[in-house]
């Protein structure tokens, strides 16, 4: 046994504690995170009891709504800062998380109390809690925190992942041009000989998703382009594809030509 060092502050002794709360995470002296899981589990059970009290003894709502409440409320609370403590959960952590998840699975499924936890997870399509939290912890680490994971987990590096666009770095109002906004009727440009008109369109029907553009110059259809997209694409994606191809086409035209993309 080794005696802990004595710590004082302005002559006052500071007593040691077994665990402390920092930003919603309970850090224990052994760093096994069981204290944090226990505390979060107690909060989850209290929230479950409050939900039962509101909705009735059998929750009084459909299974899909009970499932949604679990995924959006209970699971989100248990997943708080999982990237700090659930990257590599131990056997004890897995067992504790499973015991926390089990009563919620029983309430969602309304199954017998003797039903195995694995069977409930399979029937409801809800993965084991430790696997869900571990997935989110690893995803957060590599994608948001940009921390590489061990090669045994994945060879993908943070720099290999494309960051999601968060918006314009500067406000458009800071770069306004005098003629940036025009209220003229677009039909007026079609008759002009000095302007090349490019018309774009994207659509989605029962036959599939497509994007196309055509070029009108001197009242002559000078060029046309079309492509079939994947059936999973949206109309918005088809419109953007047509605009993208039209801009590429216009960028290769002589500089003295004026192009109007519509």
C-alpha atoms as a PDB file:
ATOM      1  CA  UNK A   1       0.000   0.000   0.000  1.00  0.00           C
ATOM      2  CA  UNK A   2       1.320   3.428  -0.969  1.00  0.00           C
ATOM      3  CA  UNK A   3       0.042   6.461   0.887  1.00  0.00           C
ATOM      4  CA  UNK A   4      -1.472   9.122  -1.357  1.00  0.00           C
ATOM      5  CA  UNK A   5       0.337  12.462  -1.408  1.00  0.00           C
ATOM      6  CA  UNK A   6      -1.047  15.255   0.738  1.00  0.00           C
ATOM      7  CA  UNK A   7      -2.426  18.150  -1.324  1.00  0.00           C
ATOM      8  CA  UNK A   8      -3.211  21.545   0.194  1.00  0.00           C
ATOM      9  CA  UNK A   9      -4.520  24.845  -1.157  1.00  0.00           C
ATOM     10  CA  UNK A  10      -3.928  27.996   0.884  1.00  0.00           C
ATOM     11  CA  UNK A  11      -3.348  25.839   3.927  1.00  0.00           C
ATOM     12  CA  UNK A  12      -6.536  23.813   3.430  1.00  0.00           C
ATOM     13  CA  UNK A  13      -6.291  20.094   2.792  1.00  0.00           C
ATOM     14  CA  UNK A  14      -7.880  18.827  -0.411  1.00  0.00           C
ATOM     15  CA  UNK A  15      -9.429  15.423   0.090  1.00  0.00           C
ATOM     16  CA  UNK A  16      -9.145  12.832  -2.636  1.00  0.00           C
ATOM     17  CA  UNK A  17     -12.183  11.399  -4.389  1.00  0.00           C
ATOM     18  CA  UNK A  18     -12.823   8.158  -6.224  1.00  0.00           C
ATOM     19  CA  UNK A  19     -14.423   9.911  -9.205  1.00  0.00           C
ATOM     20  CA  UNK A  20     -15.297  13.363 -10.509  1.00  0.00           C
ATOM     21  CA  UNK A  21     -17.584  14.812 -13.163  1.00  0.00           C
ATOM     22  CA  UNK A  22     -16.011  16.743 -16.030  1.00  0.00           C
ATOM     23  CA  UNK A  23     -18.204  18.030 -18.870  1.00  0.00           C
ATOM     24  CA  UNK A  24     -20.779  15.340 -18.216  1.00  0.00           C
ATOM     25  CA  UNK A  25     -18.252  12.484 -18.041  1.00  0.00           C
ATOM     26  CA  UNK A  26     -17.653  10.669 -14.750  1.00  0.00           C
ATOM     27  CA  UNK A  27     -13.932   9.916 -14.522  1.00  0.00           C
ATOM     28  CA  UNK A  28     -13.014   7.293 -11.908  1.00  0.00           C
ATOM     29  CA  UNK A  29      -9.648   6.579 -10.318  1.00  0.00           C
ATOM     30  CA  UNK A  30      -9.227   3.328 -12.275  1.00  0.00           C
ATOM     31  CA  UNK A  31     -10.187   4.829 -15.642  1.00  0.00           C
ATOM     32  CA  UNK A  32     -12.380   1.832 -16.436  1.00  0.00           C
ATOM     33  CA  UNK A  33     -15.426   4.083 -17.083  1.00  0.00           C
ATOM     34  CA  UNK A  34     -17.752   1.818 -15.107  1.00  0.00           C
ATOM     35  CA  UNK A  35     -18.654   4.718 -12.827  1.00  0.00           C
ATOM     36  CA  UNK A  36     -19.698   6.776 -15.853  1.00  0.00           C
ATOM     37  CA  UNK A  37     -21.764   3.912 -17.288  1.00  0.00           C
ATOM     38  CA  UNK A  38     -23.476   3.365 -13.931  1.00  0.00           C
ATOM     39  CA  UNK A  39     -24.371   7.052 -13.609  1.00  0.00           C
ATOM     40  CA  UNK A  40     -25.673   7.258 -17.172  1.00  0.00           C
ATOM     41  CA  UNK A  41     -27.606   4.038 -16.644  1.00  0.00           C
ATOM     42  CA  UNK A  42     -29.303   5.481 -13.558  1.00  0.00           C
ATOM     43  CA  UNK A  43     -30.308   8.571 -15.540  1.00  0.00           C
ATOM     44  CA  UNK A  44     -31.638   6.390 -18.352  1.00  0.00           C
ATOM     45  CA  UNK A  45     -33.762   4.324 -15.946  1.00  0.00           C
ATOM     46  CA  UNK A  46     -35.206   7.480 -14.370  1.00  0.00           C
ATOM     47  CA  UNK A  47     -36.056   8.832 -17.806  1.00  0.00           C
ATOM     48  CA  UNK A  48     -37.674   5.520 -18.700  1.00  0.00           C
ATOM     49  CA  UNK A  49     -39.831   5.677 -15.567  1.00  0.00           C
ATOM     50  CA  UNK A  50     -40.890   9.242 -16.381  1.00  0.00           C
ATOM     51  CA  UNK A  51     -41.847   8.229 -19.912  1.00  0.00           C
ATOM     52  CA  UNK A  52     -43.881   5.305 -18.558  1.00  0.00           C
ATOM     53  CA  UNK A  53     -45.618   7.614 -16.108  1.00  0.00           C
ATOM     54  CA  UNK A  54     -46.565   9.990 -18.932  1.00  0.00           C
ATOM     55  CA  UNK A  55     -47.648   7.391 -21.486  1.00  0.00           C
ATOM     56  CA  UNK A  56     -49.144   4.830 -19.112  1.00  0.00           C
ATOM     57  CA  UNK A  57     -48.071   1.487 -17.728  1.00  0.00           C
ATOM     58  CA  UNK A  58     -47.579  -0.045 -21.173  1.00  0.00           C
ATOM     59  CA  UNK A  59     -46.344   3.240 -22.692  1.00  0.00           C
ATOM     60  CA  UNK A  60     -49.709   3.561 -24.463  1.00  0.00           C
ATOM     61  CA  UNK A  61     -48.041   4.288 -27.804  1.00  0.00           C
ATOM     62  CA  UNK A  62     -47.171   2.246 -30.868  1.00  0.00           C
ATOM     63  CA  UNK A  63     -44.011   0.208 -31.119  1.00  0.00           C
ATOM     64  CA  UNK A  64     -42.486   2.482 -33.758  1.00  0.00           C
ATOM     65  CA  UNK A  65     -42.892   5.462 -31.447  1.00  0.00           C
ATOM     66  CA  UNK A  66     -41.343   3.572 -28.540  1.00  0.00           C
ATOM     67  CA  UNK A  67     -38.479   2.595 -30.842  1.00  0.00           C
ATOM     68  CA  UNK A  68     -38.042   6.229 -31.906  1.00  0.00           C
ATOM     69  CA  UNK A  69     -38.012   7.441 -28.305  1.00  0.00           C
ATOM     70  CA  UNK A  70     -35.287   4.974 -27.442  1.00  0.00           C
ATOM     71  CA  UNK A  71     -33.101   5.861 -30.453  1.00  0.00           C
ATOM     72  CA  UNK A  72     -33.517   9.632 -30.201  1.00  0.00           C
ATOM     73  CA  UNK A  73     -33.613  10.148 -26.424  1.00  0.00           C
ATOM     74  CA  UNK A  74     -32.249   7.257 -24.390  1.00  0.00           C
ATOM     75  CA  UNK A  75     -29.511   6.136 -26.761  1.00  0.00           C
ATOM     76  CA  UNK A  76     -28.393   9.721 -27.400  1.00  0.00           C
ATOM     77  CA  UNK A  77     -28.032  10.321 -23.677  1.00  0.00           C
ATOM     78  CA  UNK A  78     -26.001   7.147 -23.195  1.00  0.00           C
ATOM     79  CA  UNK A  79     -23.798   8.032 -26.183  1.00  0.00           C
ATOM     80  CA  UNK A  80     -22.690  11.330 -24.628  1.00  0.00           C
ATOM     81  CA  UNK A  81     -18.957  11.806 -25.346  1.00  0.00           C
ATOM     82  CA  UNK A  82     -18.607   8.126 -26.264  1.00  0.00           C
ATOM     83  CA  UNK A  83     -15.457   8.932 -28.256  1.00  0.00           C
ATOM     84  CA  UNK A  84     -13.684   9.544 -24.929  1.00  0.00           C
ATOM     85  CA  UNK A  85     -14.587   6.286 -23.229  1.00  0.00           C
ATOM     86  CA  UNK A  86     -16.003   3.714 -25.673  1.00  0.00           C
ATOM     87  CA  UNK A  87     -13.356   3.333 -28.377  1.00  0.00           C
ATOM     88  CA  UNK A  88     -12.386  -0.100 -27.051  1.00  0.00           C
ATOM     89  CA  UNK A  89     -14.962  -1.227 -24.469  1.00  0.00           C
ATOM     90  CA  UNK A  90     -13.924  -3.980 -22.068  1.00  0.00           C
ATOM     91  CA  UNK A  91     -15.954  -7.092 -21.306  1.00  0.00           C
ATOM     92  CA  UNK A  92     -17.294  -5.537 -18.097  1.00  0.00           C
ATOM     93  CA  UNK A  93     -18.350  -2.413 -19.984  1.00  0.00           C
ATOM     94  CA  UNK A  94     -20.125  -4.492 -22.633  1.00  0.00           C
ATOM     95  CA  UNK A  95     -21.963  -6.512 -20.002  1.00  0.00           C
ATOM     96  CA  UNK A  96     -23.021  -3.384 -18.099  1.00  0.00           C
ATOM     97  CA  UNK A  97     -24.248  -1.632 -21.251  1.00  0.00           C
ATOM     98  CA  UNK A  98     -26.204  -4.746 -22.197  1.00  0.00           C
ATOM     99  CA  UNK A  99     -27.919  -4.789 -18.793  1.00  0.00           C
ATOM    100  CA  UNK A 100     -28.847  -1.112 -19.240  1.00  0.00           C
ATOM    101  CA  UNK A 101     -30.251  -1.705 -22.719  1.00  0.00           C
ATOM    102  CA  UNK A 102     -32.286  -4.800 -21.849  1.00  0.00           C
ATOM    103  CA  UNK A 103     -35.262  -3.162 -20.013  1.00  0.00           C
ATOM    104  CA  UNK A 104     -35.753  -0.746 -22.901  1.00  0.00           C
ATOM    105  CA  UNK A 105     -35.805  -3.612 -25.389  1.00  0.00           C
ATOM    106  CA  UNK A 106     -38.430  -5.363 -23.278  1.00  0.00           C
ATOM    107  CA  UNK A 107     -40.611  -2.253 -23.168  1.00  0.00           C
ATOM    108  CA  UNK A 108     -40.327  -1.676 -26.910  1.00  0.00           C
ATOM    109  CA  UNK A 109     -41.092  -5.274 -27.868  1.00  0.00           C
ATOM    110  CA  UNK A 110     -43.458  -6.081 -24.962  1.00  0.00           C
ATOM    111  CA  UNK A 111     -41.862  -9.523 -24.927  1.00  0.00           C
ATOM    112  CA  UNK A 112     -41.637 -11.972 -22.040  1.00  0.00           C
ATOM    113  CA  UNK A 113     -39.090 -11.174 -19.335  1.00  0.00           C
ATOM    114  CA  UNK A 114     -37.287 -14.439 -20.086  1.00  0.00           C
ATOM    115  CA  UNK A 115     -36.591 -13.490 -23.722  1.00  0.00           C
ATOM    116  CA  UNK A 116     -32.875 -13.371 -24.474  1.00  0.00           C
ATOM    117  CA  UNK A 117     -31.338  -9.961 -25.077  1.00  0.00           C
ATOM    118  CA  UNK A 118     -29.777 -11.046 -28.382  1.00  0.00           C
ATOM    119  CA  UNK A 119     -33.189 -12.170 -29.633  1.00  0.00           C
ATOM    120  CA  UNK A 120     -34.749  -8.818 -28.712  1.00  0.00           C
ATOM    121  CA  UNK A 121     -31.973  -6.941 -30.518  1.00  0.00           C
ATOM    122  CA  UNK A 122     -32.463  -9.058 -33.639  1.00  0.00           C
ATOM    123  CA  UNK A 123     -36.256  -8.737 -33.697  1.00  0.00           C
ATOM    124  CA  UNK A 124     -36.223  -4.957 -33.160  1.00  0.00           C
ATOM    125  CA  UNK A 125     -33.256  -4.259 -35.430  1.00  0.00           C
ATOM    126  CA  UNK A 126     -31.412  -2.505 -32.605  1.00  0.00           C
ATOM    127  CA  UNK A 127     -27.688  -3.370 -32.378  1.00  0.00           C
ATOM    128  CA  UNK A 128     -26.045  -4.121 -29.029  1.00  0.00           C
ATOM    129  CA  UNK A 129     -25.478  -0.875 -27.179  1.00  0.00           C
ATOM    130  CA  UNK A 130     -21.714  -1.296 -26.882  1.00  0.00           C
ATOM    131  CA  UNK A 131     -21.414  -1.845 -30.653  1.00  0.00           C
ATOM    132  CA  UNK A 132     -23.500   1.246 -31.427  1.00  0.00           C
ATOM    133  CA  UNK A 133     -21.473   3.421 -29.050  1.00  0.00           C
ATOM    134  CA  UNK A 134     -18.174   2.008 -30.287  1.00  0.00           C
ATOM    135  CA  UNK A 135     -19.134   2.744 -33.895  1.00  0.00           C
ATOM    136  CA  UNK A 136     -20.048   6.331 -33.036  1.00  0.00           C
ATOM    137  CA  UNK A 137     -16.875   6.771 -30.974  1.00  0.00           C
ATOM    138  CA  UNK A 138     -14.649   5.628 -33.816  1.00  0.00           C
ATOM    139  CA  UNK A 139     -16.548   7.635 -36.412  1.00  0.00           C
ATOM    140  CA  UNK A 140     -16.303  10.781 -34.287  1.00  0.00           C
ATOM    141  CA  UNK A 141     -12.596  10.258 -33.672  1.00  0.00           C
ATOM    142  CA  UNK A 142     -11.580   9.836 -37.296  1.00  0.00           C
ATOM    143  CA  UNK A 143     -14.117  12.126 -38.985  1.00  0.00           C
ATOM    144  CA  UNK A 144     -14.707  15.011 -36.576  1.00  0.00           C
ATOM    145  CA  UNK A 145     -11.655  14.969 -34.296  1.00  0.00           C
ATOM    146  CA  UNK A 146      -9.349  13.892 -37.180  1.00  0.00           C
ATOM    147  CA  UNK A 147      -7.588  11.360 -34.955  1.00  0.00           C
ATOM    148  CA  UNK A 148      -6.299   8.279 -36.842  1.00  0.00           C
ATOM    149  CA  UNK A 149      -7.418   4.860 -35.640  1.00  0.00           C
ATOM    150  CA  UNK A 150      -5.100   1.845 -35.256  1.00  0.00           C
ATOM    151  CA  UNK A 151      -4.437  -0.074 -38.509  1.00  0.00           C
ATOM    152  CA  UNK A 152      -6.081  -3.161 -37.002  1.00  0.00           C
ATOM    153  CA  UNK A 153      -9.402  -1.241 -37.063  1.00  0.00           C
ATOM    154  CA  UNK A 154      -9.131   0.621 -40.372  1.00  0.00           C
ATOM    155  CA  UNK A 155      -6.463   1.772 -42.798  1.00  0.00           C
ATOM    156  CA  UNK A 156      -8.468   4.882 -43.663  1.00  0.00           C
ATOM    157  CA  UNK A 157      -6.764   8.076 -42.553  1.00  0.00           C
ATOM    158  CA  UNK A 158      -8.518  11.332 -41.564  1.00  0.00           C
ATOM    159  CA  UNK A 159      -7.097  13.126 -44.615  1.00  0.00           C
ATOM    160  CA  UNK A 160      -8.772  10.523 -46.849  1.00  0.00           C
ATOM    161  CA  UNK A 161     -12.238  11.653 -45.712  1.00  0.00           C
ATOM    162  CA  UNK A 162     -13.944  14.621 -47.329  1.00  0.00           C
ATOM    163  CA  UNK A 163     -15.167  17.205 -44.847  1.00  0.00           C
ATOM    164  CA  UNK A 164     -18.773  18.311 -45.105  1.00  0.00           C
ATOM    165  CA  UNK A 165     -19.222  21.870 -46.389  1.00  0.00           C
ATOM    166  CA  UNK A 166     -20.317  24.212 -43.607  1.00  0.00           C
ATOM    167  CA  UNK A 167     -21.228  27.259 -45.699  1.00  0.00           C
ATOM    168  CA  UNK A 168     -19.636  30.281 -47.319  1.00  0.00           C
ATOM    169  CA  UNK A 169     -16.434  31.575 -45.744  1.00  0.00           C
ATOM    170  CA  UNK A 170     -17.454  35.147 -46.653  1.00  0.00           C
ATOM    171  CA  UNK A 171     -20.878  36.695 -46.930  1.00  0.00           C
ATOM    172  CA  UNK A 172     -22.104  37.233 -50.531  1.00  0.00           C
ATOM    173  CA  UNK A 173     -23.078  40.830 -49.683  1.00  0.00           C
ATOM    174  CA  UNK A 174     -19.383  41.701 -49.430  1.00  0.00           C
ATOM    175  CA  UNK A 175     -18.821  40.899 -53.100  1.00  0.00           C
ATOM    176  CA  UNK A 176     -21.812  42.451 -54.836  1.00  0.00           C
ATOM    177  CA  UNK A 177     -21.414  43.735 -58.381  1.00  0.00           C
ATOM    178  CA  UNK A 178     -23.478  46.584 -59.868  1.00  0.00           C
ATOM    179  CA  UNK A 179     -25.112  44.268 -62.402  1.00  0.00           C
ATOM    180  CA  UNK A 180     -25.085  41.098 -60.322  1.00  0.00           C
ATOM    181  CA  UNK A 181     -28.877  41.093 -59.996  1.00  0.00           C
ATOM    182  CA  UNK A 182     -30.953  41.627 -63.145  1.00  0.00           C
ATOM    183  CA  UNK A 183     -34.737  41.846 -63.417  1.00  0.00           C
ATOM    184  CA  UNK A 184     -34.776  41.668 -67.219  1.00  0.00           C
ATOM    185  CA  UNK A 185     -36.886  39.015 -68.874  1.00  0.00           C
ATOM    186  CA  UNK A 186     -34.721  36.117 -70.006  1.00  0.00           C
ATOM    187  CA  UNK A 187     -36.697  35.840 -73.221  1.00  0.00           C
ATOM    188  CA  UNK A 188     -35.095  39.074 -74.412  1.00  0.00           C
ATOM    189  CA  UNK A 189     -31.691  37.383 -74.686  1.00  0.00           C
ATOM    190  CA  UNK A 190     -32.862  34.585 -76.970  1.00  0.00           C
ATOM    191  CA  UNK A 191     -33.262  36.878 -80.003  1.00  0.00           C
ATOM    192  CA  UNK A 192     -29.851  38.499 -79.552  1.00  0.00           C
ATOM    193  CA  UNK A 193     -27.199  37.221 -81.952  1.00  0.00           C
ATOM    194  CA  UNK A 194     -24.238  38.084 -79.707  1.00  0.00           C
ATOM    195  CA  UNK A 195     -25.341  35.859 -76.835  1.00  0.00           C
ATOM    196  CA  UNK A 196     -25.107  32.082 -76.609  1.00  0.00           C
ATOM    197  CA  UNK A 197     -28.030  30.674 -74.629  1.00  0.00           C
ATOM    198  CA  UNK A 198     -27.596  27.426 -72.722  1.00  0.00           C
ATOM    199  CA  UNK A 199     -30.724  25.747 -71.369  1.00  0.00           C
ATOM    200  CA  UNK A 200     -30.400  23.141 -68.613  1.00  0.00           C
ATOM    201  CA  UNK A 201     -32.868  20.725 -67.094  1.00  0.00           C
ATOM    202  CA  UNK A 202     -33.032  17.742 -64.774  1.00  0.00           C
ATOM    203  CA  UNK A 203     -35.961  15.431 -64.178  1.00  0.00           C
ATOM    204  CA  UNK A 204     -37.020  12.247 -62.433  1.00  0.00           C
ATOM    205  CA  UNK A 205     -39.820  10.004 -63.711  1.00  0.00           C
ATOM    206  CA  UNK A 206     -40.780   6.356 -63.511  1.00  0.00           C
ATOM    207  CA  UNK A 207     -38.313   5.781 -66.368  1.00  0.00           C
ATOM    208  CA  UNK A 208     -35.336   7.069 -64.365  1.00  0.00           C
ATOM    209  CA  UNK A 209     -33.343  10.202 -63.557  1.00  0.00           C
ATOM    210  CA  UNK A 210     -31.758  12.331 -66.271  1.00  0.00           C
ATOM    211  CA  UNK A 211     -29.890  15.583 -66.825  1.00  0.00           C
ATOM    212  CA  UNK A 212     -29.383  17.529 -70.042  1.00  0.00           C
ATOM    213  CA  UNK A 213     -28.508  20.884 -71.574  1.00  0.00           C
ATOM    214  CA  UNK A 214     -28.667  22.345 -75.078  1.00  0.00           C
ATOM    215  CA  UNK A 215     -26.974  25.341 -76.698  1.00  0.00           C
ATOM    216  CA  UNK A 216     -28.851  27.883 -78.837  1.00  0.00           C
ATOM    217  CA  UNK A 217     -26.678  30.155 -80.972  1.00  0.00           C
ATOM    218  CA  UNK A 218     -28.017  32.350 -83.791  1.00  0.00           C
ATOM    219  CA  UNK A 219     -31.372  30.543 -83.632  1.00  0.00           C
ATOM    220  CA  UNK A 220     -29.598  27.222 -84.242  1.00  0.00           C
ATOM    221  CA  UNK A 221     -29.265  24.317 -81.829  1.00  0.00           C
ATOM    222  CA  UNK A 222     -25.477  24.210 -81.813  1.00  0.00           C
ATOM    223  CA  UNK A 223     -24.903  21.512 -79.205  1.00  0.00           C
ATOM    224  CA  UNK A 224     -26.761  19.219 -76.854  1.00  0.00           C
ATOM    225  CA  UNK A 225     -25.736  16.947 -73.980  1.00  0.00           C
ATOM    226  CA  UNK A 226     -27.684  14.435 -71.908  1.00  0.00           C
ATOM    227  CA  UNK A 227     -26.942  11.726 -69.366  1.00  0.00           C
ATOM    228  CA  UNK A 228     -28.829   9.143 -67.339  1.00  0.00           C
ATOM    229  CA  UNK A 229     -28.177   9.215 -63.603  1.00  0.00           C
ATOM    230  CA  UNK A 230     -28.619   6.570 -60.944  1.00  0.00           C
ATOM    231  CA  UNK A 231     -32.202   5.898 -59.927  1.00  0.00           C
ATOM    232  CA  UNK A 232     -31.324   6.915 -56.360  1.00  0.00           C
ATOM    233  CA  UNK A 233     -30.418  10.461 -57.441  1.00  0.00           C
ATOM    234  CA  UNK A 234     -32.852  13.301 -56.767  1.00  0.00           C
ATOM    235  CA  UNK A 235     -34.193  15.976 -59.114  1.00  0.00           C
ATOM    236  CA  UNK A 236     -32.007  18.529 -57.345  1.00  0.00           C
ATOM    237  CA  UNK A 237     -28.905  16.441 -58.045  1.00  0.00           C
ATOM    238  CA  UNK A 238     -29.956  16.105 -61.684  1.00  0.00           C
ATOM    239  CA  UNK A 239     -30.375  19.884 -61.976  1.00  0.00           C
ATOM    240  CA  UNK A 240     -26.946  20.457 -60.438  1.00  0.00           C
ATOM    241  CA  UNK A 241     -25.371  17.931 -62.799  1.00  0.00           C
ATOM    242  CA  UNK A 242     -26.837  19.709 -65.829  1.00  0.00           C
ATOM    243  CA  UNK A 243     -25.637  23.095 -64.541  1.00  0.00           C
ATOM    244  CA  UNK A 244     -22.187  21.689 -63.828  1.00  0.00           C
ATOM    245  CA  UNK A 245     -21.798  20.301 -67.346  1.00  0.00           C
ATOM    246  CA  UNK A 246     -23.140  23.536 -68.858  1.00  0.00           C
ATOM    247  CA  UNK A 247     -20.578  25.606 -66.960  1.00  0.00           C
ATOM    248  CA  UNK A 248     -17.781  23.310 -68.133  1.00  0.00           C
ATOM    249  CA  UNK A 249     -18.989  23.704 -71.724  1.00  0.00           C
ATOM    250  CA  UNK A 250     -19.231  27.501 -71.411  1.00  0.00           C
ATOM    251  CA  UNK A 251     -15.745  27.744 -69.894  1.00  0.00           C
ATOM    252  CA  UNK A 252     -14.254  26.342 -73.107  1.00  0.00           C
ATOM    253  CA  UNK A 253     -15.959  28.901 -75.363  1.00  0.00           C
ATOM    254  CA  UNK A 254     -13.989  31.879 -76.744  1.00  0.00           C
ATOM    255  CA  UNK A 255     -13.665  34.723 -74.260  1.00  0.00           C
ATOM    256  CA  UNK A 256     -15.453  37.219 -76.517  1.00  0.00           C
ATOM    257  CA  UNK A 257     -18.655  35.164 -76.401  1.00  0.00           C
ATOM    258  CA  UNK A 258     -21.323  35.936 -73.799  1.00  0.00           C
ATOM    259  CA  UNK A 259     -23.148  32.891 -72.452  1.00  0.00           C
ATOM    260  CA  UNK A 260     -26.447  32.829 -70.580  1.00  0.00           C
ATOM    261  CA  UNK A 261     -27.182  29.622 -68.684  1.00  0.00           C
ATOM    262  CA  UNK A 262     -30.849  29.128 -67.827  1.00  0.00           C
END
